[in-house]
């Protein structure tokens, strides 16, 4: 009988111990979930505070101009010329063929052309006359730049080195007459000479 009584007490104690273990596990699980929720809340609060809309700045490239209430006019392209220049620097000689355009602000065109100017008055712009008047000087400067460059610069995918040098030279030649925003190269080819 003693064995039966001891067995009965052990059976009654086992379910209570298993229930207690389950309660402790559920408590630990709930605690871990609460801590995770708190961490997520703090991180979201931190990152959303650093990206507040009041600090954000909108780019105004070819969009609405807030002071004028209409769409800003795009930049105009001014053809500088077509060039064929040799580069003999290095082991191999190369012939470069390219056309150069420069982007200028539309406002500059309208102000320089007077009341009859504007985006529709693309031909006969004062900038065209300035470029035509300085065509030989531009060609000379561009030839110097191309001849002085290392041939591996012509293999750049965006030709950034050549563009920046040509923009610099163009800015010096044209001076304050024409404000150059960007130099564009079209029909670019670099062929080795035999």
N, C-alpha and C. Protein backbone atom coordinates (compact mmCIF):
# COMPACT_ATOMS: atom_id res chain seq x y z
N UNK A 1 0.79 -1.18 0.00
CA UNK A 1 0.00 0.00 0.00
C UNK A 1 0.84 1.25 0.00
N UNK A 2 1.92 1.11 0.60
CA UNK A 2 2.80 2.28 0.59
C UNK A 2 3.27 2.59 -0.82
N UNK A 3 3.52 1.53 -1.56
CA UNK A 3 3.94 1.76 -2.94
C UNK A 3 2.84 2.43 -3.75
N UNK A 4 1.62 2.01 -3.51
CA UNK A 4 0.51 2.62 -4.24
C UNK A 4 0.33 4.08 -3.84
N UNK A 5 0.52 4.41 -2.61
CA UNK A 5 0.37 5.79 -2.14
C UNK A 5 1.50 6.65 -2.69
N UNK A 6 2.70 6.11 -2.75
CA UNK A 6 3.83 6.87 -3.27
C UNK A 6 3.66 7.11 -4.78
N UNK A 7 3.12 6.11 -5.45
CA UNK A 7 2.88 6.26 -6.89
C UNK A 7 1.81 7.30 -7.14
N UNK A 8 0.79 7.33 -6.35
CA UNK A 8 -0.30 8.30 -6.51
C UNK A 8 0.22 9.71 -6.28
N UNK A 9 1.08 9.90 -5.32
CA UNK A 9 1.64 11.22 -5.06
C UNK A 9 2.54 11.68 -6.20
N UNK A 10 3.32 10.74 -6.75
CA UNK A 10 4.19 11.08 -7.89
C UNK A 10 3.37 11.45 -9.12
N UNK A 11 2.27 10.75 -9.35
CA UNK A 11 1.42 11.05 -10.51
C UNK A 11 0.76 12.41 -10.36
N UNK A 12 0.36 12.77 -9.13
CA UNK A 12 -0.26 14.07 -8.92
C UNK A 12 0.78 15.18 -9.04
N UNK A 13 2.02 14.94 -8.65
CA UNK A 13 3.06 15.95 -8.70
C UNK A 13 3.57 16.15 -10.15
N UNK A 14 3.59 15.12 -10.97
CA UNK A 14 4.09 15.23 -12.34
C UNK A 14 3.28 16.18 -13.21
N UNK A 15 1.95 16.08 -13.19
CA UNK A 15 1.20 17.04 -14.00
C UNK A 15 1.40 18.46 -13.51
N UNK A 16 1.56 18.69 -12.27
CA UNK A 16 1.76 20.04 -11.76
C UNK A 16 3.12 20.57 -12.21
N UNK A 17 4.14 19.72 -12.20
CA UNK A 17 5.47 20.14 -12.63
C UNK A 17 5.48 20.42 -14.13
N UNK A 18 4.80 19.61 -14.93
CA UNK A 18 4.70 19.83 -16.38
C UNK A 18 3.94 21.10 -16.69
N UNK A 19 2.91 21.39 -15.94
CA UNK A 19 2.14 22.62 -16.13
C UNK A 19 2.96 23.85 -15.79
N UNK A 20 3.77 23.71 -14.73
CA UNK A 20 4.62 24.82 -14.34
C UNK A 20 5.68 25.10 -15.42
N UNK A 21 6.24 24.03 -16.00
CA UNK A 21 7.21 24.20 -17.07
C UNK A 21 6.60 24.90 -18.28
N UNK A 22 5.37 24.49 -18.60
CA UNK A 22 4.68 25.13 -19.72
C UNK A 22 4.45 26.61 -19.46
N UNK A 23 4.07 26.95 -18.25
CA UNK A 23 3.81 28.34 -17.91
C UNK A 23 5.09 29.17 -17.97
N UNK A 24 6.19 28.60 -17.51
CA UNK A 24 7.48 29.30 -17.57
C UNK A 24 7.89 29.51 -19.02
N UNK A 25 7.73 28.49 -19.86
CA UNK A 25 8.09 28.61 -21.28
C UNK A 25 7.23 29.66 -21.98
N UNK A 26 5.93 29.66 -21.68
CA UNK A 26 5.05 30.68 -22.28
C UNK A 26 5.44 32.07 -21.80
N UNK A 27 5.83 32.20 -20.54
CA UNK A 27 6.28 33.50 -20.01
C UNK A 27 7.55 33.97 -20.70
N UNK A 28 8.51 33.05 -20.88
CA UNK A 28 9.76 33.40 -21.56
C UNK A 28 9.48 33.79 -23.01
N UNK A 29 8.64 33.03 -23.69
CA UNK A 29 8.28 33.32 -25.08
C UNK A 29 7.61 34.70 -25.19
N UNK A 30 6.68 34.98 -24.30
CA UNK A 30 6.01 36.28 -24.32
C UNK A 30 7.00 37.40 -24.04
N UNK A 31 7.95 37.17 -23.12
CA UNK A 31 8.97 38.18 -22.82
C UNK A 31 9.86 38.46 -24.02
N UNK A 32 10.29 37.40 -24.71
CA UNK A 32 11.14 37.56 -25.90
C UNK A 32 10.39 38.33 -26.98
N UNK A 33 9.11 38.00 -27.19
CA UNK A 33 8.32 38.70 -28.21
C UNK A 33 8.14 40.17 -27.84
N UNK A 34 7.96 40.47 -26.56
CA UNK A 34 7.82 41.86 -26.12
C UNK A 34 9.11 42.63 -26.36
N UNK A 35 10.25 42.01 -26.08
CA UNK A 35 11.55 42.66 -26.31
C UNK A 35 11.76 42.91 -27.81
N UNK A 36 11.44 41.93 -28.66
CA UNK A 36 11.56 42.10 -30.11
C UNK A 36 10.68 43.25 -30.59
N UNK A 37 9.46 43.31 -30.10
CA UNK A 37 8.55 44.39 -30.48
C UNK A 37 9.10 45.74 -30.07
N UNK A 38 9.70 45.83 -28.89
CA UNK A 38 10.28 47.08 -28.42
C UNK A 38 11.46 47.49 -29.29
N UNK A 39 12.32 46.52 -29.64
CA UNK A 39 13.47 46.82 -30.51
C UNK A 39 13.00 47.31 -31.87
N UNK A 40 12.02 46.66 -32.47
CA UNK A 40 11.50 47.08 -33.77
C UNK A 40 10.91 48.48 -33.67
N UNK A 41 10.16 48.77 -32.60
CA UNK A 41 9.57 50.09 -32.41
C UNK A 41 10.65 51.17 -32.32
N UNK A 42 11.70 50.92 -31.56
CA UNK A 42 12.78 51.90 -31.40
C UNK A 42 13.50 52.13 -32.72
N UNK A 43 13.78 51.06 -33.46
CA UNK A 43 14.47 51.21 -34.74
C UNK A 43 13.62 51.97 -35.75
N UNK A 44 12.35 51.67 -35.83
CA UNK A 44 11.46 52.37 -36.77
C UNK A 44 11.37 53.84 -36.38
N UNK A 45 11.27 54.12 -35.12
CA UNK A 45 11.19 55.50 -34.65
C UNK A 45 12.48 56.25 -34.99
N UNK A 46 13.62 55.59 -34.80
CA UNK A 46 14.91 56.21 -35.09
C UNK A 46 15.07 56.53 -36.58
N UNK A 47 14.78 55.56 -37.44
CA UNK A 47 14.98 55.77 -38.87
C UNK A 47 13.92 56.68 -39.48
N UNK A 48 12.72 56.67 -38.96
CA UNK A 48 11.70 57.57 -39.52
C UNK A 48 11.96 59.00 -39.09
N UNK A 49 12.61 59.23 -37.96
CA UNK A 49 12.93 60.58 -37.53
C UNK A 49 14.03 61.18 -38.40
N UNK A 50 14.98 60.35 -38.87
CA UNK A 50 16.06 60.88 -39.70
C UNK A 50 15.62 61.14 -41.13
N UNK A 51 14.50 60.59 -41.55
CA UNK A 51 14.01 60.80 -42.92
C UNK A 51 12.72 61.61 -42.90
N UNK A 52 12.70 62.67 -42.14
CA UNK A 52 11.48 63.46 -42.04
C UNK A 52 11.27 64.27 -43.32
N UNK A 53 10.03 64.49 -43.71
CA UNK A 53 9.74 65.24 -44.93
C UNK A 53 10.23 66.69 -44.87
N UNK A 54 10.36 67.25 -43.69
CA UNK A 54 10.81 68.64 -43.59
C UNK A 54 12.26 68.79 -44.00
N UNK A 55 13.06 67.72 -43.86
CA UNK A 55 14.46 67.78 -44.25
C UNK A 55 14.69 67.40 -45.70
N UNK A 56 13.72 66.80 -46.32
CA UNK A 56 13.89 66.36 -47.70
C UNK A 56 13.90 67.55 -48.64
N UNK A 57 14.74 67.46 -49.68
CA UNK A 57 14.82 68.53 -50.67
C UNK A 57 14.50 67.93 -52.02
N UNK A 58 13.63 68.61 -52.74
CA UNK A 58 13.23 68.12 -54.06
C UNK A 58 14.14 68.72 -55.11
N UNK A 59 14.52 67.93 -56.08
CA UNK A 59 15.33 68.42 -57.20
C UNK A 59 14.41 69.11 -58.19
N UNK A 60 14.86 70.24 -58.71
CA UNK A 60 14.00 70.99 -59.62
C UNK A 60 14.54 70.95 -61.05
N UNK A 61 14.93 69.79 -61.50
CA UNK A 61 15.43 69.67 -62.86
C UNK A 61 14.27 69.45 -63.80
N UNK A 62 14.06 70.38 -64.69
CA UNK A 62 13.01 70.30 -65.70
C UNK A 62 11.65 69.97 -65.11
N UNK A 63 11.38 70.44 -63.92
CA UNK A 63 10.08 70.23 -63.29
C UNK A 63 9.39 71.56 -63.12
N UNK A 64 8.40 71.59 -62.26
CA UNK A 64 7.71 72.84 -61.99
C UNK A 64 8.59 73.75 -61.16
N UNK A 65 8.63 75.01 -61.54
CA UNK A 65 9.36 76.00 -60.78
C UNK A 65 8.38 76.63 -59.82
N UNK A 66 8.65 76.52 -58.52
CA UNK A 66 7.68 76.93 -57.51
C UNK A 66 7.39 78.43 -57.57
N UNK A 67 8.35 79.23 -57.98
CA UNK A 67 8.14 80.67 -58.01
C UNK A 67 7.39 81.13 -59.25
N UNK A 68 7.39 80.36 -60.30
CA UNK A 68 6.77 80.80 -61.55
C UNK A 68 5.45 80.10 -61.85
N UNK A 69 5.25 78.89 -61.34
CA UNK A 69 3.99 78.20 -61.55
C UNK A 69 3.85 77.55 -62.92
N UNK A 70 4.92 77.39 -63.66
CA UNK A 70 4.88 76.67 -64.93
C UNK A 70 6.12 75.81 -65.08
N UNK A 71 6.06 74.92 -66.03
CA UNK A 71 7.17 73.98 -66.21
C UNK A 71 8.42 74.71 -66.70
N UNK A 72 9.55 74.38 -66.09
CA UNK A 72 10.81 74.99 -66.49
C UNK A 72 11.19 74.50 -67.89
N UNK A 73 11.78 75.40 -68.65
CA UNK A 73 12.15 75.06 -70.02
C UNK A 73 13.45 74.27 -70.01
N UNK A 74 13.57 73.27 -70.87
CA UNK A 74 14.78 72.46 -70.91
C UNK A 74 15.95 73.25 -71.49
N UNK A 75 17.15 72.75 -71.24
CA UNK A 75 18.35 73.39 -71.78
C UNK A 75 18.39 73.22 -73.30
N UNK A 76 19.07 74.15 -73.95
CA UNK A 76 19.22 74.09 -75.40
C UNK A 76 20.58 73.47 -75.75
N UNK A 77 20.63 72.81 -76.89
CA UNK A 77 21.87 72.22 -77.37
C UNK A 77 22.46 73.10 -78.46
N UNK A 78 23.72 73.43 -78.30
CA UNK A 78 24.44 74.28 -79.22
C UNK A 78 25.52 73.43 -79.89
N UNK A 79 25.47 73.33 -81.21
CA UNK A 79 26.46 72.52 -81.92
C UNK A 79 27.76 73.30 -82.00
N UNK A 80 28.83 72.68 -81.49
CA UNK A 80 30.14 73.30 -81.51
C UNK A 80 30.87 72.94 -82.81
N UNK A 81 30.78 71.70 -83.23
CA UNK A 81 31.41 71.32 -84.48
C UNK A 81 31.70 69.84 -84.57
N UNK A 82 32.17 69.42 -85.75
CA UNK A 82 32.59 68.04 -86.00
C UNK A 82 34.10 68.04 -86.08
N UNK A 83 34.73 67.05 -85.45
CA UNK A 83 36.18 67.05 -85.35
C UNK A 83 36.75 65.69 -85.75
N UNK A 84 37.92 65.74 -86.39
CA UNK A 84 38.70 64.55 -86.75
C UNK A 84 40.13 64.88 -86.35
N UNK A 85 40.61 64.21 -85.29
CA UNK A 85 41.90 64.56 -84.71
C UNK A 85 42.70 63.28 -84.50
N UNK A 86 44.01 63.37 -84.72
CA UNK A 86 44.90 62.23 -84.52
C UNK A 86 45.56 62.32 -83.15
N UNK A 87 45.77 61.16 -82.56
CA UNK A 87 46.48 61.05 -81.30
C UNK A 87 47.62 60.06 -81.53
N UNK A 88 48.84 60.52 -81.40
CA UNK A 88 50.00 59.66 -81.63
C UNK A 88 50.77 59.39 -80.34
N UNK A 89 50.13 59.65 -79.23
CA UNK A 89 50.78 59.42 -77.94
C UNK A 89 50.69 57.93 -77.63
N UNK A 90 51.80 57.35 -77.27
CA UNK A 90 51.82 55.92 -76.96
C UNK A 90 52.35 55.10 -78.12
N UNK A 91 52.16 53.81 -78.04
CA UNK A 91 52.70 52.89 -79.04
C UNK A 91 51.90 52.92 -80.34
N UNK A 92 50.61 53.16 -80.25
CA UNK A 92 49.72 53.10 -81.40
C UNK A 92 49.14 54.48 -81.68
N UNK A 93 49.03 54.85 -82.95
CA UNK A 93 48.40 56.11 -83.34
C UNK A 93 46.91 55.86 -83.57
N UNK A 94 46.07 56.81 -83.17
CA UNK A 94 44.62 56.70 -83.30
C UNK A 94 44.06 57.93 -84.00
N UNK A 95 42.96 57.72 -84.71
CA UNK A 95 42.21 58.82 -85.29
C UNK A 95 40.86 58.87 -84.60
N UNK A 96 40.53 60.02 -84.07
CA UNK A 96 39.27 60.20 -83.36
C UNK A 96 38.34 61.06 -84.20
N UNK A 97 37.13 60.59 -84.35
CA UNK A 97 36.07 61.34 -85.03
C UNK A 97 34.94 61.53 -84.02
N UNK A 98 34.48 62.77 -83.86
CA UNK A 98 33.38 63.03 -82.95
C UNK A 98 32.74 64.38 -83.25
N UNK A 99 31.52 64.53 -82.78
CA UNK A 99 30.79 65.77 -82.89
C UNK A 99 30.56 66.27 -81.47
N UNK A 100 30.75 67.57 -81.28
CA UNK A 100 30.60 68.15 -79.94
C UNK A 100 29.40 69.09 -79.92
N UNK A 101 28.57 68.90 -78.90
CA UNK A 101 27.45 69.79 -78.61
C UNK A 101 27.66 70.30 -77.19
N UNK A 102 27.13 71.47 -76.90
CA UNK A 102 27.16 72.01 -75.54
C UNK A 102 25.75 72.39 -75.15
N UNK A 103 25.37 72.09 -73.92
CA UNK A 103 24.05 72.50 -73.45
C UNK A 103 24.20 73.87 -72.78
N UNK A 104 23.26 74.74 -73.10
CA UNK A 104 23.24 76.09 -72.53
C UNK A 104 21.86 76.33 -71.94
N UNK A 105 21.77 77.17 -70.92
CA UNK A 105 20.46 77.44 -70.33
C UNK A 105 19.55 78.16 -71.32
N UNK A 106 18.26 77.84 -71.28
CA UNK A 106 17.29 78.48 -72.16
C UNK A 106 17.18 79.96 -71.85
N UNK A 107 17.20 80.33 -70.59
CA UNK A 107 17.09 81.73 -70.19
C UNK A 107 18.22 82.55 -70.79
N UNK A 108 19.41 82.01 -70.82
CA UNK A 108 20.53 82.73 -71.40
C UNK A 108 20.24 83.01 -72.87
N UNK A 109 19.68 82.02 -73.56
CA UNK A 109 19.36 82.19 -74.96
C UNK A 109 18.31 83.28 -75.14
N UNK A 110 17.28 83.28 -74.31
CA UNK A 110 16.21 84.27 -74.42
C UNK A 110 16.73 85.66 -74.10
N UNK A 111 17.58 85.79 -73.09
CA UNK A 111 18.12 87.10 -72.72
C UNK A 111 19.07 87.61 -73.78
N UNK A 112 19.91 86.74 -74.33
CA UNK A 112 20.88 87.16 -75.32
C UNK A 112 20.21 87.53 -76.64
N UNK A 113 19.13 86.85 -76.99
CA UNK A 113 18.48 87.09 -78.26
C UNK A 113 17.49 88.25 -78.18
N UNK A 114 17.16 88.71 -77.00
CA UNK A 114 16.21 89.80 -76.86
C UNK A 114 14.79 89.29 -76.85
N UNK A 115 13.84 90.14 -77.17
CA UNK A 115 12.43 89.77 -77.06
C UNK A 115 12.01 88.76 -78.12
N UNK A 116 12.69 88.69 -79.24
CA UNK A 116 12.32 87.75 -80.29
C UNK A 116 12.91 86.37 -80.08
N UNK A 117 13.72 86.19 -79.05
CA UNK A 117 14.38 84.91 -78.82
C UNK A 117 13.49 83.95 -78.08
N UNK A 118 14.07 82.86 -77.65
CA UNK A 118 13.33 81.85 -76.91
C UNK A 118 13.60 80.50 -77.50
N UNK A 119 12.89 79.50 -77.04
CA UNK A 119 13.16 78.16 -77.52
C UNK A 119 12.86 77.98 -79.00
N UNK A 120 11.96 78.74 -79.55
CA UNK A 120 11.63 78.60 -80.96
C UNK A 120 12.66 79.25 -81.87
N UNK A 121 13.45 80.16 -81.31
CA UNK A 121 14.42 80.89 -82.13
C UNK A 121 15.77 80.22 -82.07
N UNK A 122 15.80 78.92 -82.35
CA UNK A 122 17.04 78.15 -82.24
C UNK A 122 18.06 78.57 -83.29
N UNK A 123 17.63 78.93 -84.47
CA UNK A 123 18.57 79.31 -85.51
C UNK A 123 18.79 80.81 -85.44
N UNK A 124 20.02 81.24 -85.67
CA UNK A 124 20.33 82.64 -85.61
C UNK A 124 20.54 83.12 -84.18
N UNK A 125 20.84 82.21 -83.28
CA UNK A 125 21.08 82.60 -81.90
C UNK A 125 22.43 83.30 -81.81
N UNK A 126 22.57 84.21 -80.85
CA UNK A 126 23.87 84.88 -80.67
C UNK A 126 24.99 83.90 -80.32
N UNK A 127 24.65 82.81 -79.62
CA UNK A 127 25.67 81.82 -79.26
C UNK A 127 26.26 81.17 -80.50
N UNK A 128 25.41 80.92 -81.52
CA UNK A 128 25.91 80.34 -82.78
C UNK A 128 26.93 81.28 -83.41
N UNK A 129 26.67 82.56 -83.36
CA UNK A 129 27.60 83.54 -83.94
C UNK A 129 28.91 83.57 -83.16
N UNK A 130 28.84 83.45 -81.84
CA UNK A 130 30.06 83.44 -81.02
C UNK A 130 30.89 82.21 -81.33
N UNK A 131 30.24 81.05 -81.44
CA UNK A 131 30.95 79.81 -81.75
C UNK A 131 31.56 79.89 -83.15
N UNK A 132 30.82 80.41 -84.11
CA UNK A 132 31.34 80.54 -85.47
C UNK A 132 32.53 81.49 -85.52
N UNK A 133 32.47 82.57 -84.75
CA UNK A 133 33.56 83.54 -84.74
C UNK A 133 34.83 82.97 -84.11
N UNK A 134 34.67 82.00 -83.22
CA UNK A 134 35.83 81.43 -82.52
C UNK A 134 36.07 79.98 -82.92
N UNK A 135 35.61 79.57 -84.09
CA UNK A 135 35.70 78.17 -84.52
C UNK A 135 37.14 77.69 -84.64
N UNK A 136 38.03 78.50 -85.19
CA UNK A 136 39.42 78.08 -85.36
C UNK A 136 40.11 77.91 -84.01
N UNK A 137 39.82 78.81 -83.08
CA UNK A 137 40.42 78.71 -81.75
C UNK A 137 39.91 77.47 -81.02
N UNK A 138 38.62 77.19 -81.17
CA UNK A 138 38.03 76.00 -80.55
C UNK A 138 38.66 74.74 -81.13
N UNK A 139 38.80 74.70 -82.44
CA UNK A 139 39.40 73.52 -83.08
C UNK A 139 40.84 73.32 -82.62
N UNK A 140 41.59 74.42 -82.51
CA UNK A 140 42.97 74.35 -82.05
C UNK A 140 43.05 73.82 -80.63
N UNK A 141 42.22 74.33 -79.74
CA UNK A 141 42.23 73.89 -78.34
C UNK A 141 41.82 72.43 -78.23
N UNK A 142 40.78 72.02 -78.96
CA UNK A 142 40.34 70.63 -78.90
C UNK A 142 41.42 69.69 -79.45
N UNK A 143 42.14 70.11 -80.50
CA UNK A 143 43.23 69.30 -81.04
C UNK A 143 44.33 69.10 -80.01
N UNK A 144 44.66 70.18 -79.29
CA UNK A 144 45.68 70.08 -78.25
C UNK A 144 45.26 69.09 -77.16
N UNK A 145 44.00 69.17 -76.76
CA UNK A 145 43.50 68.30 -75.70
C UNK A 145 43.59 66.84 -76.13
N UNK A 146 43.10 66.53 -77.31
CA UNK A 146 43.06 65.15 -77.79
C UNK A 146 44.48 64.61 -77.99
N UNK A 147 45.36 65.42 -78.53
CA UNK A 147 46.74 64.95 -78.77
C UNK A 147 47.50 64.73 -77.47
N UNK A 148 47.15 65.45 -76.41
CA UNK A 148 47.87 65.33 -75.15
C UNK A 148 47.34 64.20 -74.26
N UNK A 149 46.16 63.67 -74.56
CA UNK A 149 45.55 62.65 -73.69
C UNK A 149 46.15 61.28 -73.93
N UNK A 150 46.15 60.48 -72.85
CA UNK A 150 46.56 59.09 -72.98
C UNK A 150 45.49 58.32 -73.74
N UNK A 151 45.88 57.45 -74.65
CA UNK A 151 44.89 56.71 -75.46
C UNK A 151 43.92 55.86 -74.64
N UNK A 152 44.31 55.42 -73.45
CA UNK A 152 43.37 54.61 -72.66
C UNK A 152 42.18 55.43 -72.17
N UNK A 153 42.28 56.76 -72.17
CA UNK A 153 41.15 57.62 -71.79
C UNK A 153 40.02 57.55 -72.82
N UNK A 154 40.36 57.19 -74.05
CA UNK A 154 39.34 57.10 -75.09
C UNK A 154 38.53 55.81 -74.98
N UNK A 155 38.96 54.90 -74.12
CA UNK A 155 38.23 53.65 -73.91
C UNK A 155 37.26 53.74 -72.75
N UNK A 156 37.21 54.88 -72.05
CA UNK A 156 36.26 55.04 -70.94
C UNK A 156 34.84 54.95 -71.49
N UNK A 157 33.95 54.26 -70.78
CA UNK A 157 32.58 54.11 -71.28
C UNK A 157 31.83 55.44 -71.40
N UNK A 158 32.07 56.38 -70.48
CA UNK A 158 31.37 57.66 -70.54
C UNK A 158 32.25 58.80 -71.05
N UNK A 159 33.49 58.51 -71.36
CA UNK A 159 34.45 59.51 -71.84
C UNK A 159 34.52 60.73 -70.93
N UNK A 160 34.45 60.49 -69.62
CA UNK A 160 34.39 61.58 -68.64
C UNK A 160 35.63 62.47 -68.69
N UNK A 161 36.80 61.89 -68.85
CA UNK A 161 38.04 62.69 -68.89
C UNK A 161 38.04 63.61 -70.10
N UNK A 162 37.69 63.08 -71.25
CA UNK A 162 37.67 63.89 -72.46
C UNK A 162 36.60 64.98 -72.37
N UNK A 163 35.42 64.63 -71.87
CA UNK A 163 34.34 65.61 -71.73
C UNK A 163 34.75 66.76 -70.81
N UNK A 164 35.34 66.44 -69.68
CA UNK A 164 35.71 67.50 -68.73
C UNK A 164 36.79 68.41 -69.30
N UNK A 165 37.76 67.84 -70.00
CA UNK A 165 38.81 68.66 -70.62
C UNK A 165 38.23 69.57 -71.71
N UNK A 166 37.34 69.00 -72.53
CA UNK A 166 36.73 69.81 -73.60
C UNK A 166 35.85 70.91 -73.02
N UNK A 167 35.14 70.61 -71.95
CA UNK A 167 34.29 71.64 -71.31
C UNK A 167 35.15 72.76 -70.74
N UNK A 168 36.27 72.38 -70.12
CA UNK A 168 37.19 73.38 -69.56
C UNK A 168 37.73 74.30 -70.66
N UNK A 169 38.18 73.71 -71.76
CA UNK A 169 38.72 74.50 -72.86
C UNK A 169 37.63 75.38 -73.51
N UNK A 170 36.46 74.82 -73.67
CA UNK A 170 35.35 75.57 -74.26
C UNK A 170 34.96 76.75 -73.38
N UNK A 171 34.97 76.54 -72.06
CA UNK A 171 34.68 77.63 -71.13
C UNK A 171 35.69 78.75 -71.23
N UNK A 172 36.97 78.38 -71.42
CA UNK A 172 38.02 79.40 -71.56
C UNK A 172 37.88 80.17 -72.87
N UNK A 173 37.58 79.48 -73.95
CA UNK A 173 37.48 80.13 -75.26
C UNK A 173 36.25 81.03 -75.34
N UNK A 174 35.10 80.51 -74.91
CA UNK A 174 33.87 81.28 -75.03
C UNK A 174 33.71 82.30 -73.91
N UNK A 175 34.34 82.05 -72.78
CA UNK A 175 34.31 83.01 -71.68
C UNK A 175 32.90 83.26 -71.18
N UNK A 176 32.61 84.52 -70.90
CA UNK A 176 31.31 84.91 -70.35
C UNK A 176 30.24 85.02 -71.44
N UNK A 177 30.63 84.93 -72.70
CA UNK A 177 29.65 85.04 -73.80
C UNK A 177 28.61 83.94 -73.75
N UNK A 178 29.06 82.72 -73.46
CA UNK A 178 28.16 81.56 -73.45
C UNK A 178 28.44 80.74 -72.20
N UNK A 179 27.40 80.46 -71.41
CA UNK A 179 27.55 79.64 -70.21
C UNK A 179 27.31 78.18 -70.59
N UNK A 180 28.33 77.36 -70.46
CA UNK A 180 28.26 75.95 -70.82
C UNK A 180 27.87 75.14 -69.58
N UNK A 181 26.80 74.35 -69.70
CA UNK A 181 26.40 73.49 -68.59
C UNK A 181 27.01 72.10 -68.73
N UNK A 182 27.02 71.56 -69.95
CA UNK A 182 27.50 70.20 -70.17
C UNK A 182 28.00 70.08 -71.60
N UNK A 183 29.01 69.23 -71.80
CA UNK A 183 29.52 68.94 -73.14
C UNK A 183 29.05 67.55 -73.53
N UNK A 184 28.47 67.44 -74.71
CA UNK A 184 27.96 66.17 -75.22
C UNK A 184 28.80 65.74 -76.42
N UNK A 185 29.16 64.47 -76.45
CA UNK A 185 29.92 63.91 -77.57
C UNK A 185 29.04 62.91 -78.30
N UNK A 186 28.88 63.11 -79.59
CA UNK A 186 28.10 62.17 -80.39
C UNK A 186 28.97 61.64 -81.52
N UNK A 187 28.54 60.55 -82.10
CA UNK A 187 29.22 59.92 -83.23
C UNK A 187 30.71 59.73 -82.93
N UNK A 188 31.04 59.30 -81.73
CA UNK A 188 32.42 59.14 -81.32
C UNK A 188 32.98 57.83 -81.84
N UNK A 189 34.13 57.91 -82.48
CA UNK A 189 34.83 56.69 -82.89
C UNK A 189 36.33 56.92 -82.74
N UNK A 190 37.01 55.87 -82.30
CA UNK A 190 38.45 55.91 -82.11
C UNK A 190 39.03 54.70 -82.87
N UNK A 191 39.65 54.97 -83.99
CA UNK A 191 40.17 53.88 -84.82
C UNK A 191 41.70 53.93 -84.85
N UNK A 192 42.34 52.79 -84.67
CA UNK A 192 43.80 52.74 -84.76
C UNK A 192 44.25 52.89 -86.20
N UNK A 193 45.37 53.58 -86.37
CA UNK A 193 45.94 53.76 -87.71
C UNK A 193 46.88 52.59 -88.01
N UNK A 194 46.99 52.27 -89.27
CA UNK A 194 47.87 51.16 -89.69
C UNK A 194 49.28 51.61 -89.87
